[in-house]
Amino acid sequence: MAKPLPLSFLAYFIGVGFPFVVLPAVEACRDGRSLLIAYPAIWGLLSQTMSVGATMPIYWLAFLLSRRRGLSKGAGSSDTRGAITQAHAEAIVFGVLIGAIVPTISMLILNDPTVTAIWQPYPIYVSLAHALHLFFRPPSQHPQSGYPTIRVLYLGCFIIASSVHISTIWPIKNDLAAIKSMFFPSPVALNVSDVSLQTLDFLQWDFVFGSVSTAVATLWFAQNLGQLFRMVVWYMMAIPLVGFGAAIMGVALWREQFLIS
């Protein structure tokens, strides 16, 4: 039996939603980062209470405001700030894996209200796992650049997110009505009593606001019109093919090479 559409979209949302978890975790660990973005658990808990679509535009506004002080760099900067140590890079991977991915997979597989309730404060689990890893492998003992690890993390997120998108859209690629129902929220308020349709519409709008705000914010990574133009073209081509999540992670992967010390 096919999954109900809201549940299918929720699984899709989670499967491609790496930018909402990984990017704040990475930016919080950069040398010279602003206090505005230093605590990703707070932003994560806000996304769980206010929704991703309401939280991510505020987060990226805080991120962009921190750029005025030179704390969040674009692609062409020669400033050496923005580097991440190997210890922090490993802690990010461990935190995301243990604190976010494992609980989320458990929630989707078990489909149990108790497990779902336990999953809700997952940003705290990410933060605790991150801190635990740093306790055993502190930056003072592993100060070398974590760029290779972050690159592997971003690449892994790109592969998973693109795979989820392609596997979701491929079976309905010739059915425009199914594509519209799956991915596009209603432009007007729904006048229906079906709670599942209301839930689906909310999730779709939540995803749209979170994804669009994140993609738009990454345009500030460009340092010249040429880079900006290429990023816009990339998004226009990549979003339909591999989805928002993979497209954003691709830009983050491209940017990271300019931030190594």
C-alpha atoms as a PDB file:
ATOM      1  CA  MET A   1       0.000   0.000   0.000  1.00  0.00           C
ATOM      2  CA  ALA A   2       1.307   3.431  -0.942  1.00  0.00           C
ATOM      3  CA  LYS A   3       2.055   5.873   1.846  1.00  0.00           C
ATOM      4  CA  PRO A   4      -0.400   8.756   2.390  1.00  0.00           C
ATOM      5  CA  LEU A   5       0.824  11.817   0.513  1.00  0.00           C
ATOM      6  CA  PRO A   6       1.569  13.888   3.657  1.00  0.00           C
ATOM      7  CA  LEU A   7       3.721  11.069   5.059  1.00  0.00           C
ATOM      8  CA  SER A   8       5.487  10.650   1.722  1.00  0.00           C
ATOM      9  CA  PHE A   9       6.259  14.350   1.555  1.00  0.00           C
ATOM     10  CA  LEU A  10       7.432  14.384   5.171  1.00  0.00           C
ATOM     11  CA  ALA A  11       9.870  11.570   4.355  1.00  0.00           C
ATOM     12  CA  TYR A  12      11.021  13.557   1.300  1.00  0.00           C
ATOM     13  CA  PHE A  13      11.367  16.751   3.373  1.00  0.00           C
ATOM     14  CA  ILE A  14      13.553  14.963   5.904  1.00  0.00           C
ATOM     15  CA  GLY A  15      15.572  13.148   3.238  1.00  0.00           C
ATOM     16  CA  VAL A  16      16.582  16.322   1.417  1.00  0.00           C
ATOM     17  CA  GLY A  17      16.651  18.662   4.430  1.00  0.00           C
ATOM     18  CA  PHE A  18      20.360  18.376   5.225  1.00  0.00           C
ATOM     19  CA  PRO A  19      21.029  22.119   4.709  1.00  0.00           C
ATOM     20  CA  PHE A  20      18.722  22.975   7.615  1.00  0.00           C
ATOM     21  CA  VAL A  21      20.793  20.892  10.040  1.00  0.00           C
ATOM     22  CA  VAL A  22      24.301  20.632   8.601  1.00  0.00           C
ATOM     23  CA  LEU A  23      24.962  24.212   7.511  1.00  0.00           C
ATOM     24  CA  PRO A  24      24.119  25.836  10.883  1.00  0.00           C
ATOM     25  CA  ALA A  25      26.232  23.183  12.629  1.00  0.00           C
ATOM     26  CA  VAL A  26      29.204  23.913  10.376  1.00  0.00           C
ATOM     27  CA  GLU A  27      28.906  27.701  10.486  1.00  0.00           C
ATOM     28  CA  ALA A  28      28.787  27.611  14.299  1.00  0.00           C
ATOM     29  CA  CYS A  29      32.230  25.977  14.399  1.00  0.00           C
ATOM     30  CA  ARG A  30      34.090  28.384  12.142  1.00  0.00           C
ATOM     31  CA  ASP A  31      36.940  30.417  13.528  1.00  0.00           C
ATOM     32  CA  GLY A  32      35.690  33.974  13.998  1.00  0.00           C
ATOM     33  CA  ARG A  33      31.992  33.173  13.717  1.00  0.00           C
ATOM     34  CA  SER A  34      29.437  35.549  15.224  1.00  0.00           C
ATOM     35  CA  LEU A  35      27.566  34.846  18.447  1.00  0.00           C
ATOM     36  CA  LEU A  36      24.400  35.251  16.383  1.00  0.00           C
ATOM     37  CA  ILE A  37      25.014  31.863  14.790  1.00  0.00           C
ATOM     38  CA  ALA A  38      27.161  30.225  17.470  1.00  0.00           C
ATOM     39  CA  TYR A  39      24.432  28.019  18.964  1.00  0.00           C
ATOM     40  CA  PRO A  40      22.768  25.866  16.291  1.00  0.00           C
ATOM     41  CA  ALA A  41      20.747  23.957  18.917  1.00  0.00           C
ATOM     42  CA  ILE A  42      18.770  27.139  19.589  1.00  0.00           C
ATOM     43  CA  TRP A  43      17.996  27.602  15.907  1.00  0.00           C
ATOM     44  CA  GLY A  44      17.123  23.916  15.624  1.00  0.00           C
ATOM     45  CA  LEU A  45      14.700  24.081  18.537  1.00  0.00           C
ATOM     46  CA  LEU A  46      13.131  27.190  17.020  1.00  0.00           C
ATOM     47  CA  SER A  47      12.611  25.276  13.778  1.00  0.00           C
ATOM     48  CA  GLN A  48      10.876  22.531  15.754  1.00  0.00           C
ATOM     49  CA  THR A  49       8.539  24.981  17.487  1.00  0.00           C
ATOM     50  CA  MET A  50       8.102  27.765  14.914  1.00  0.00           C
ATOM     51  CA  SER A  51       8.702  25.595  11.802  1.00  0.00           C
ATOM     52  CA  VAL A  52      11.644  25.460   9.420  1.00  0.00           C
ATOM     53  CA  GLY A  53      10.016  27.949   7.069  1.00  0.00           C
ATOM     54  CA  ALA A  54       9.746  30.578   9.803  1.00  0.00           C
ATOM     55  CA  THR A  55      13.157  29.960  11.364  1.00  0.00           C
ATOM     56  CA  MET A  56      15.543  29.669   8.422  1.00  0.00           C
ATOM     57  CA  PRO A  57      14.905  33.175   7.004  1.00  0.00           C
ATOM     58  CA  ILE A  58      15.703  34.602  10.463  1.00  0.00           C
ATOM     59  CA  TYR A  59      18.805  32.430  10.771  1.00  0.00           C
ATOM     60  CA  TRP A  60      20.137  33.504   7.383  1.00  0.00           C
ATOM     61  CA  LEU A  61      19.402  37.144   8.185  1.00  0.00           C
ATOM     62  CA  ALA A  62      21.549  36.746  11.306  1.00  0.00           C
ATOM     63  CA  PHE A  63      24.207  35.025   9.207  1.00  0.00           C
ATOM     64  CA  LEU A  64      24.272  37.829   6.647  1.00  0.00           C
ATOM     65  CA  LEU A  65      24.342  40.515   9.336  1.00  0.00           C
ATOM     66  CA  SER A  66      27.431  38.849  10.781  1.00  0.00           C
ATOM     67  CA  ARG A  67      29.169  39.327   7.417  1.00  0.00           C
ATOM     68  CA  ARG A  68      29.350  43.053   8.076  1.00  0.00           C
ATOM     69  CA  ARG A  69      31.911  42.255  10.749  1.00  0.00           C
ATOM     70  CA  GLY A  70      33.804  39.908   8.451  1.00  0.00           C
ATOM     71  CA  LEU A  71      32.722  36.794  10.311  1.00  0.00           C
ATOM     72  CA  SER A  72      30.968  34.903   7.520  1.00  0.00           C
ATOM     73  CA  LYS A  73      32.960  34.905   4.336  1.00  0.00           C
ATOM     74  CA  GLY A  74      32.054  34.599   0.713  1.00  0.00           C
ATOM     75  CA  ALA A  75      33.819  32.564  -1.912  1.00  0.00           C
ATOM     76  CA  GLY A  76      36.568  34.912  -2.937  1.00  0.00           C
ATOM     77  CA  SER A  77      37.754  36.229   0.398  1.00  0.00           C
ATOM     78  CA  SER A  78      41.434  36.115   1.197  1.00  0.00           C
ATOM     79  CA  ASP A  79      40.739  36.297   4.969  1.00  0.00           C
ATOM     80  CA  THR A  80      41.930  33.139   6.700  1.00  0.00           C
ATOM     81  CA  ARG A  81      39.119  33.218   9.246  1.00  0.00           C
ATOM     82  CA  GLY A  82      36.363  30.690   8.649  1.00  0.00           C
ATOM     83  CA  ALA A  83      38.533  27.589   8.956  1.00  0.00           C
ATOM     84  CA  ILE A  84      37.320  24.555  10.919  1.00  0.00           C
ATOM     85  CA  THR A  85      39.625  22.266  12.869  1.00  0.00           C
ATOM     86  CA  GLN A  86      39.648  18.524  12.301  1.00  0.00           C
ATOM     87  CA  ALA A  87      38.298  18.005  15.823  1.00  0.00           C
ATOM     88  CA  HIS A  88      35.291  20.215  15.130  1.00  0.00           C
ATOM     89  CA  ALA A  89      34.710  18.647  11.715  1.00  0.00           C
ATOM     90  CA  GLU A  90      34.623  15.166  13.225  1.00  0.00           C
ATOM     91  CA  ALA A  91      32.332  16.390  16.013  1.00  0.00           C
ATOM     92  CA  ILE A  92      29.929  17.856  13.448  1.00  0.00           C
ATOM     93  CA  VAL A  93      29.720  14.548  11.585  1.00  0.00           C
ATOM     94  CA  PHE A  94      29.273  12.589  14.819  1.00  0.00           C
ATOM     95  CA  GLY A  95      26.653  15.003  16.137  1.00  0.00           C
ATOM     96  CA  VAL A  96      24.581  14.978  12.948  1.00  0.00           C
ATOM     97  CA  LEU A  97      24.814  11.196  12.620  1.00  0.00           C
ATOM     98  CA  ILE A  98      23.986  10.285  16.226  1.00  0.00           C
ATOM     99  CA  GLY A  99      21.782  13.230  17.108  1.00  0.00           C
ATOM    100  CA  ALA A 100      19.777  13.715  13.908  1.00  0.00           C
ATOM    101  CA  ILE A 101      20.067  10.883  11.395  1.00  0.00           C
ATOM    102  CA  VAL A 102      19.698   7.910  13.757  1.00  0.00           C
ATOM    103  CA  PRO A 103      16.657   9.320  15.635  1.00  0.00           C
ATOM    104  CA  THR A 104      15.026  10.415  12.375  1.00  0.00           C
ATOM    105  CA  ILE A 105      15.424   7.023  10.707  1.00  0.00           C
ATOM    106  CA  SER A 106      14.031   5.395  13.849  1.00  0.00           C
ATOM    107  CA  MET A 107      11.014   7.715  13.759  1.00  0.00           C
ATOM    108  CA  LEU A 108      10.270   7.016  10.098  1.00  0.00           C
ATOM    109  CA  ILE A 109      10.688   3.248  10.384  1.00  0.00           C
ATOM    110  CA  LEU A 110       8.875   2.683  13.680  1.00  0.00           C
ATOM    111  CA  ASN A 111       6.106   5.246  13.036  1.00  0.00           C
ATOM    112  CA  ASP A 112       5.308   5.296  16.754  1.00  0.00           C
ATOM    113  CA  PRO A 113       3.963   8.362  18.623  1.00  0.00           C
ATOM    114  CA  THR A 114       6.355   7.814  21.517  1.00  0.00           C
ATOM    115  CA  VAL A 115       9.368   7.645  19.212  1.00  0.00           C
ATOM    116  CA  THR A 116       8.138  10.762  17.400  1.00  0.00           C
ATOM    117  CA  ALA A 117       7.869  12.612  20.720  1.00  0.00           C
ATOM    118  CA  ILE A 118      11.392  11.522  21.650  1.00  0.00           C
ATOM    119  CA  TRP A 119      12.633  12.736  18.250  1.00  0.00           C
ATOM    120  CA  GLN A 120      11.228  16.265  18.641  1.00  0.00           C
ATOM    121  CA  PRO A 121      14.177  17.823  20.549  1.00  0.00           C
ATOM    122  CA  TYR A 122      16.757  16.253  18.213  1.00  0.00           C
ATOM    123  CA  PRO A 123      18.796  19.514  18.014  1.00  0.00           C
ATOM    124  CA  ILE A 124      19.700  18.952  21.660  1.00  0.00           C
ATOM    125  CA  TYR A 125      20.893  15.428  20.840  1.00  0.00           C
ATOM    126  CA  VAL A 126      23.055  16.827  18.048  1.00  0.00           C
ATOM    127  CA  SER A 127      24.591  19.369  20.413  1.00  0.00           C
ATOM    128  CA  LEU A 128      25.230  16.798  23.160  1.00  0.00           C
ATOM    129  CA  ALA A 129      26.820  14.314  20.749  1.00  0.00           C
ATOM    130  CA  HIS A 130      28.950  17.126  19.326  1.00  0.00           C
ATOM    131  CA  ALA A 131      30.147  18.153  22.795  1.00  0.00           C
ATOM    132  CA  LEU A 132      30.832  14.543  23.794  1.00  0.00           C
ATOM    133  CA  HIS A 133      33.031  14.004  20.741  1.00  0.00           C
ATOM    134  CA  LEU A 134      34.970  17.200  21.444  1.00  0.00           C
ATOM    135  CA  PHE A 135      35.558  16.029  25.012  1.00  0.00           C
ATOM    136  CA  PHE A 136      37.424  12.956  23.775  1.00  0.00           C
ATOM    137  CA  ARG A 137      39.046  14.635  20.730  1.00  0.00           C
ATOM    138  CA  PRO A 138      39.580  18.303  21.666  1.00  0.00           C
ATOM    139  CA  PRO A 139      40.661  20.914  19.098  1.00  0.00           C
ATOM    140  CA  SER A 140      43.871  21.503  21.040  1.00  0.00           C
ATOM    141  CA  GLN A 141      45.023  17.993  20.122  1.00  0.00           C
ATOM    142  CA  HIS A 142      43.637  17.978  16.566  1.00  0.00           C
ATOM    143  CA  PRO A 143      44.072  21.553  15.293  1.00  0.00           C
ATOM    144  CA  GLN A 144      44.705  20.663  11.647  1.00  0.00           C
ATOM    145  CA  SER A 145      42.265  21.741   8.944  1.00  0.00           C
ATOM    146  CA  GLY A 146      39.002  19.821   8.863  1.00  0.00           C
ATOM    147  CA  TYR A 147      38.349  20.724   5.223  1.00  0.00           C
ATOM    148  CA  PRO A 148      38.658  17.136   3.898  1.00  0.00           C
ATOM    149  CA  THR A 149      36.134  15.904   6.466  1.00  0.00           C
ATOM    150  CA  ILE A 150      33.688  18.741   5.789  1.00  0.00           C
ATOM    151  CA  ARG A 151      34.035  18.105   2.068  1.00  0.00           C
ATOM    152  CA  VAL A 152      33.160  14.423   2.553  1.00  0.00           C
ATOM    153  CA  LEU A 153      30.206  15.425   4.754  1.00  0.00           C
ATOM    154  CA  TYR A 154      28.864  17.843   2.147  1.00  0.00           C
ATOM    155  CA  LEU A 155      29.399  15.341  -0.646  1.00  0.00           C
ATOM    156  CA  GLY A 156      27.584  12.650   1.328  1.00  0.00           C
ATOM    157  CA  CYS A 157      24.673  15.015   1.967  1.00  0.00           C
ATOM    158  CA  PHE A 158      24.575  15.880  -1.736  1.00  0.00           C
ATOM    159  CA  ILE A 159      24.460  12.209  -2.749  1.00  0.00           C
ATOM    160  CA  ILE A 160      21.748  11.277  -0.256  1.00  0.00           C
ATOM    161  CA  ALA A 161      19.584  14.336  -0.935  1.00  0.00           C
ATOM    162  CA  SER A 162      19.827  13.942  -4.711  1.00  0.00           C
ATOM    163  CA  SER A 163      19.052  10.225  -4.445  1.00  0.00           C
ATOM    164  CA  VAL A 164      15.948  10.922  -2.353  1.00  0.00           C
ATOM    165  CA  HIS A 165      14.777  13.566  -4.828  1.00  0.00           C
ATOM    166  CA  ILE A 166      15.372  11.436  -7.906  1.00  0.00           C
ATOM    167  CA  SER A 167      13.773   8.335  -6.377  1.00  0.00           C
ATOM    168  CA  THR A 168      10.742  10.428  -5.428  1.00  0.00           C
ATOM    169  CA  ILE A 169      10.216  12.229  -8.706  1.00  0.00           C
ATOM    170  CA  TRP A 170      11.221   9.470 -11.133  1.00  0.00           C
ATOM    171  CA  PRO A 171       8.070   7.307 -10.738  1.00  0.00           C
ATOM    172  CA  ILE A 172       5.829  10.337 -11.390  1.00  0.00           C
ATOM    173  CA  LYS A 173       8.005  12.136 -13.954  1.00  0.00           C
ATOM    174  CA  ASN A 174       5.312  11.842 -16.647  1.00  0.00           C
ATOM    175  CA  ASP A 175       2.404  12.772 -14.372  1.00  0.00           C
ATOM    176  CA  LEU A 176       2.232  16.544 -13.987  1.00  0.00           C
ATOM    177  CA  ALA A 177      -0.758  16.315 -11.660  1.00  0.00           C
ATOM    178  CA  ALA A 178       1.131  13.985  -9.328  1.00  0.00           C
ATOM    179  CA  ILE A 179       4.204  16.245  -9.394  1.00  0.00           C
ATOM    180  CA  LYS A 180       2.041  19.255  -8.564  1.00  0.00           C
ATOM    181  CA  SER A 181       0.317  17.412  -5.712  1.00  0.00           C
ATOM    182  CA  MET A 182       3.627  16.214  -4.296  1.00  0.00           C
ATOM    183  CA  PHE A 183       5.763  19.339  -4.496  1.00  0.00           C
ATOM    184  CA  PHE A 184       3.646  22.472  -4.958  1.00  0.00           C
ATOM    185  CA  PRO A 185       1.590  24.014  -2.133  1.00  0.00           C
ATOM    186  CA  SER A 186      -1.715  25.712  -2.774  1.00  0.00           C
ATOM    187  CA  PRO A 187      -1.317  29.444  -3.561  1.00  0.00           C
ATOM    188  CA  VAL A 188      -4.591  30.147  -1.716  1.00  0.00           C
ATOM    189  CA  ALA A 189      -5.920  28.968   1.629  1.00  0.00           C
ATOM    190  CA  LEU A 190      -7.437  25.506   1.393  1.00  0.00           C
ATOM    191  CA  ASN A 191     -11.148  25.368   2.111  1.00  0.00           C
ATOM    192  CA  VAL A 192     -11.273  21.689   2.978  1.00  0.00           C
ATOM    193  CA  SER A 193     -11.973  19.718   6.117  1.00  0.00           C
ATOM    194  CA  ASP A 194      -9.441  17.008   5.283  1.00  0.00           C
ATOM    195  CA  VAL A 195      -6.744  17.337   7.933  1.00  0.00           C
ATOM    196  CA  SER A 196      -4.250  15.364   5.836  1.00  0.00           C
ATOM    197  CA  LEU A 197      -4.499  17.866   2.971  1.00  0.00           C
ATOM    198  CA  GLN A 198      -4.075  20.766   5.373  1.00  0.00           C
ATOM    199  CA  THR A 199      -1.026  19.041   6.849  1.00  0.00           C
ATOM    200  CA  LEU A 200       0.462  18.431   3.409  1.00  0.00           C
ATOM    201  CA  ASP A 201      -0.053  22.057   2.397  1.00  0.00           C
ATOM    202  CA  PHE A 202       1.614  23.261   5.613  1.00  0.00           C
ATOM    203  CA  LEU A 203       4.618  20.966   5.099  1.00  0.00           C
ATOM    204  CA  GLN A 204       4.973  22.083   1.485  1.00  0.00           C
ATOM    205  CA  TRP A 205       4.939  25.773   2.397  1.00  0.00           C
ATOM    206  CA  ASP A 206       7.320  25.072   5.268  1.00  0.00           C
ATOM    207  CA  PHE A 207       9.729  23.400   2.869  1.00  0.00           C
ATOM    208  CA  VAL A 208       9.407  26.154   0.255  1.00  0.00           C
ATOM    209  CA  PHE A 209      10.139  29.005   2.685  1.00  0.00           C
ATOM    210  CA  GLY A 210      13.026  27.142   4.304  1.00  0.00           C
ATOM    211  CA  SER A 211      14.597  26.069   1.018  1.00  0.00           C
ATOM    212  CA  VAL A 212      14.134  29.314  -0.902  1.00  0.00           C
ATOM    213  CA  SER A 213      15.490  31.446   1.952  1.00  0.00           C
ATOM    214  CA  THR A 214      18.527  29.174   2.241  1.00  0.00           C
ATOM    215  CA  ALA A 215      19.193  29.185  -1.493  1.00  0.00           C
ATOM    216  CA  VAL A 216      18.822  32.968  -1.701  1.00  0.00           C
ATOM    217  CA  ALA A 217      21.153  33.460   1.272  1.00  0.00           C
ATOM    218  CA  THR A 218      23.860  31.388  -0.392  1.00  0.00           C
ATOM    219  CA  LEU A 219      23.894  33.853  -3.288  1.00  0.00           C
ATOM    220  CA  TRP A 220      25.780  36.162  -0.904  1.00  0.00           C
ATOM    221  CA  PHE A 221      28.668  33.681  -1.085  1.00  0.00           C
ATOM    222  CA  ALA A 222      29.423  35.128  -4.531  1.00  0.00           C
ATOM    223  CA  GLN A 223      32.129  37.787  -4.668  1.00  0.00           C
ATOM    224  CA  ASN A 224      31.493  39.017  -8.192  1.00  0.00           C
ATOM    225  CA  LEU A 225      28.786  39.046 -10.843  1.00  0.00           C
ATOM    226  CA  GLY A 226      30.323  36.091 -12.652  1.00  0.00           C
ATOM    227  CA  GLN A 227      30.069  33.865  -9.591  1.00  0.00           C
ATOM    228  CA  LEU A 228      26.546  35.118  -8.903  1.00  0.00           C
ATOM    229  CA  PHE A 229      25.447  34.348 -12.463  1.00  0.00           C
ATOM    230  CA  ARG A 230      26.901  30.832 -12.313  1.00  0.00           C
ATOM    231  CA  MET A 231      25.178  30.174  -8.994  1.00  0.00           C
ATOM    232  CA  VAL A 232      21.811  31.294 -10.372  1.00  0.00           C
ATOM    233  CA  VAL A 233      22.271  29.072 -13.432  1.00  0.00           C
ATOM    234  CA  TRP A 234      23.288  26.183 -11.171  1.00  0.00           C
ATOM    235  CA  TYR A 235      20.131  26.540  -9.097  1.00  0.00           C
ATOM    236  CA  MET A 236      17.917  26.794 -12.175  1.00  0.00           C
ATOM    237  CA  MET A 237      19.362  23.561 -13.537  1.00  0.00           C
ATOM    238  CA  ALA A 238      19.997  21.628 -10.332  1.00  0.00           C
ATOM    239  CA  ILE A 239      16.774  22.171  -8.388  1.00  0.00           C
ATOM    240  CA  PRO A 240      14.530  20.319 -10.878  1.00  0.00           C
ATOM    241  CA  LEU A 241      17.122  17.572 -11.423  1.00  0.00           C
ATOM    242  CA  VAL A 242      18.491  16.870  -7.936  1.00  0.00           C
ATOM    243  CA  GLY A 243      16.261  18.955  -5.665  1.00  0.00           C
ATOM    244  CA  PHE A 244      16.729  21.933  -3.371  1.00  0.00           C
ATOM    245  CA  GLY A 245      18.727  20.055  -0.742  1.00  0.00           C
ATOM    246  CA  ALA A 246      21.372  18.720  -3.105  1.00  0.00           C
ATOM    247  CA  ALA A 247      21.560  21.999  -5.038  1.00  0.00           C
ATOM    248  CA  ILE A 248      22.272  23.950  -1.848  1.00  0.00           C
ATOM    249  CA  MET A 249      24.825  21.414  -0.627  1.00  0.00           C
ATOM    250  CA  GLY A 250      26.552  21.689  -4.009  1.00  0.00           C
ATOM    251  CA  VAL A 251      26.968  25.436  -3.505  1.00  0.00           C
ATOM    252  CA  ALA A 252      28.213  24.883   0.053  1.00  0.00           C
ATOM    253  CA  LEU A 253      30.754  22.349  -1.216  1.00  0.00           C
ATOM    254  CA  TRP A 254      31.973  24.805  -3.853  1.00  0.00           C
ATOM    255  CA  ARG A 255      32.298  27.600  -1.272  1.00  0.00           C
ATOM    256  CA  GLU A 256      34.234  25.497   1.233  1.00  0.00           C
ATOM    257  CA  GLN A 257      37.357  25.332  -0.922  1.00  0.00           C
ATOM    258  CA  PHE A 258      37.784  29.107  -0.502  1.00  0.00           C
ATOM    259  CA  LEU A 259      37.561  28.986   3.285  1.00  0.00           C
ATOM    260  CA  ILE A 260      40.453  26.635   4.056  1.00  0.00           C
ATOM    261  CA  SER A 261      43.355  28.226   5.824  1.00  0.00           C
END
